[in-house]
């Protein structure tokens, strides 16, 4: 598959998920959350892929995704300081 066809497929899948209007970092963070069942803001921030993204950008993306109903945020039962993030869709 060539790069252009891959980009077209990606744009189509983003449209189906309803994330096509979001910024690239928000889309990447959503993809990461969908991949890992119990994500935290800290685990996103510490991942090498997001090394060039600020903590405030990550927090903003999580807020946007939550306000659009794409993710849910719950307190961890073992450590009440942790907030577990899961994709709804």
C-alpha atoms as a PDB file:
ATOM      1  CA  UNK A   1       0.000   0.000   0.000  1.00  0.00           C
ATOM      2  CA  UNK A   2       1.409   3.399  -0.882  1.00  0.00           C
ATOM      3  CA  UNK A   3       1.613   6.342   1.483  1.00  0.00           C
ATOM      4  CA  UNK A   4      -1.179   8.359  -0.148  1.00  0.00           C
ATOM      5  CA  UNK A   5      -3.648   5.470   0.016  1.00  0.00           C
ATOM      6  CA  UNK A   6      -2.705   4.938   3.652  1.00  0.00           C
ATOM      7  CA  UNK A   7      -3.382   8.619   4.387  1.00  0.00           C
ATOM      8  CA  UNK A   8      -6.732   8.415   2.603  1.00  0.00           C
ATOM      9  CA  UNK A   9      -7.692   5.356   4.634  1.00  0.00           C
ATOM     10  CA  UNK A  10      -6.618   7.091   7.837  1.00  0.00           C
ATOM     11  CA  UNK A  11      -8.708  10.181   7.005  1.00  0.00           C
ATOM     12  CA  UNK A  12     -11.712   7.969   6.287  1.00  0.00           C
ATOM     13  CA  UNK A  13     -11.360   6.060   9.567  1.00  0.00           C
ATOM     14  CA  UNK A  14     -10.942   9.336  11.503  1.00  0.00           C
ATOM     15  CA  UNK A  15     -14.168  10.572   9.918  1.00  0.00           C
ATOM     16  CA  UNK A  16     -15.994   7.381  10.947  1.00  0.00           C
ATOM     17  CA  UNK A  17     -14.767   7.805  14.540  1.00  0.00           C
ATOM     18  CA  UNK A  18     -15.784  11.463  14.556  1.00  0.00           C
ATOM     19  CA  UNK A  19     -12.276  12.761  15.233  1.00  0.00           C
ATOM     20  CA  UNK A  20     -11.521  14.214  11.800  1.00  0.00           C
ATOM     21  CA  UNK A  21     -11.922  17.808  13.027  1.00  0.00           C
ATOM     22  CA  UNK A  22      -9.493  17.424  15.928  1.00  0.00           C
ATOM     23  CA  UNK A  23      -5.854  18.508  16.014  1.00  0.00           C
ATOM     24  CA  UNK A  24      -3.178  15.919  15.158  1.00  0.00           C
ATOM     25  CA  UNK A  25      -2.045  15.574  18.807  1.00  0.00           C
ATOM     26  CA  UNK A  26      -5.637  14.980  19.928  1.00  0.00           C
ATOM     27  CA  UNK A  27      -6.083  12.295  17.266  1.00  0.00           C
ATOM     28  CA  UNK A  28      -2.815  10.635  18.316  1.00  0.00           C
ATOM     29  CA  UNK A  29      -3.783  10.705  21.981  1.00  0.00           C
ATOM     30  CA  UNK A  30      -7.173   9.187  21.173  1.00  0.00           C
ATOM     31  CA  UNK A  31      -5.465   6.395  19.215  1.00  0.00           C
ATOM     32  CA  UNK A  32      -3.168   5.753  22.182  1.00  0.00           C
ATOM     33  CA  UNK A  33      -6.099   5.641  24.614  1.00  0.00           C
ATOM     34  CA  UNK A  34      -7.975   3.201  22.362  1.00  0.00           C
ATOM     35  CA  UNK A  35      -4.934   0.925  22.293  1.00  0.00           C
ATOM     36  CA  UNK A  36      -4.372   0.790  26.067  1.00  0.00           C
ATOM     37  CA  UNK A  37      -7.331  -0.117  28.296  1.00  0.00           C
ATOM     38  CA  UNK A  38      -6.140   1.746  31.403  1.00  0.00           C
ATOM     39  CA  UNK A  39      -4.312   4.821  30.254  1.00  0.00           C
ATOM     40  CA  UNK A  40      -3.382   7.758  32.468  1.00  0.00           C
ATOM     41  CA  UNK A  41      -2.257  11.242  31.545  1.00  0.00           C
ATOM     42  CA  UNK A  42       1.099  10.290  33.033  1.00  0.00           C
ATOM     43  CA  UNK A  43       1.451   7.208  30.811  1.00  0.00           C
ATOM     44  CA  UNK A  44       0.686   9.303  27.732  1.00  0.00           C
ATOM     45  CA  UNK A  45       3.187  11.976  28.768  1.00  0.00           C
ATOM     46  CA  UNK A  46       5.932   9.429  29.474  1.00  0.00           C
ATOM     47  CA  UNK A  47       5.533   7.546  26.188  1.00  0.00           C
ATOM     48  CA  UNK A  48       8.331   8.212  23.697  1.00  0.00           C
ATOM     49  CA  UNK A  49       5.884   8.973  20.884  1.00  0.00           C
ATOM     50  CA  UNK A  50       4.610  12.023  22.780  1.00  0.00           C
ATOM     51  CA  UNK A  51       8.024  13.350  23.814  1.00  0.00           C
ATOM     52  CA  UNK A  52       7.526  16.530  21.774  1.00  0.00           C
ATOM     53  CA  UNK A  53       4.038  17.241  23.169  1.00  0.00           C
ATOM     54  CA  UNK A  54       3.603  19.327  26.301  1.00  0.00           C
ATOM     55  CA  UNK A  55       1.679  18.159  29.334  1.00  0.00           C
ATOM     56  CA  UNK A  56      -0.812  21.006  28.868  1.00  0.00           C
ATOM     57  CA  UNK A  57      -1.494  19.859  25.276  1.00  0.00           C
ATOM     58  CA  UNK A  58      -2.110  16.322  26.518  1.00  0.00           C
ATOM     59  CA  UNK A  59      -4.467  17.540  29.245  1.00  0.00           C
ATOM     60  CA  UNK A  60      -6.303  19.743  26.732  1.00  0.00           C
ATOM     61  CA  UNK A  61      -6.706  16.802  24.334  1.00  0.00           C
ATOM     62  CA  UNK A  62      -8.084  14.592  27.126  1.00  0.00           C
ATOM     63  CA  UNK A  63     -10.556  17.337  28.066  1.00  0.00           C
ATOM     64  CA  UNK A  64     -11.678  17.706  24.435  1.00  0.00           C
ATOM     65  CA  UNK A  65     -12.084  13.951  23.982  1.00  0.00           C
ATOM     66  CA  UNK A  66     -14.029  13.706  27.239  1.00  0.00           C
ATOM     67  CA  UNK A  67     -16.319  16.626  26.371  1.00  0.00           C
ATOM     68  CA  UNK A  68     -17.140  14.931  23.060  1.00  0.00           C
ATOM     69  CA  UNK A  69     -18.032  11.705  24.865  1.00  0.00           C
ATOM     70  CA  UNK A  70     -15.258   9.675  23.242  1.00  0.00           C
ATOM     71  CA  UNK A  71     -13.494   8.742  26.484  1.00  0.00           C
ATOM     72  CA  UNK A  72     -14.390   8.228  30.109  1.00  0.00           C
ATOM     73  CA  UNK A  73     -12.252   9.145  33.085  1.00  0.00           C
ATOM     74  CA  UNK A  74     -12.553   7.214  36.357  1.00  0.00           C
ATOM     75  CA  UNK A  75     -10.628   7.195  39.610  1.00  0.00           C
ATOM     76  CA  UNK A  76      -8.489   4.127  40.192  1.00  0.00           C
ATOM     77  CA  UNK A  77      -9.854   1.994  43.034  1.00  0.00           C
ATOM     78  CA  UNK A  78      -6.334   1.142  44.274  1.00  0.00           C
ATOM     79  CA  UNK A  79      -4.816   4.618  44.033  1.00  0.00           C
ATOM     80  CA  UNK A  80      -7.373   7.428  44.271  1.00  0.00           C
ATOM     81  CA  UNK A  81      -4.827   9.925  42.905  1.00  0.00           C
ATOM     82  CA  UNK A  82      -4.817   8.159  39.519  1.00  0.00           C
ATOM     83  CA  UNK A  83      -7.421   8.796  36.883  1.00  0.00           C
ATOM     84  CA  UNK A  84      -7.885   5.936  34.428  1.00  0.00           C
ATOM     85  CA  UNK A  85      -8.836   6.930  30.900  1.00  0.00           C
ATOM     86  CA  UNK A  86     -10.705   4.564  28.592  1.00  0.00           C
ATOM     87  CA  UNK A  87     -12.147   4.962  25.112  1.00  0.00           C
ATOM     88  CA  UNK A  88     -15.925   4.645  24.839  1.00  0.00           C
ATOM     89  CA  UNK A  89     -16.119   4.165  21.090  1.00  0.00           C
END
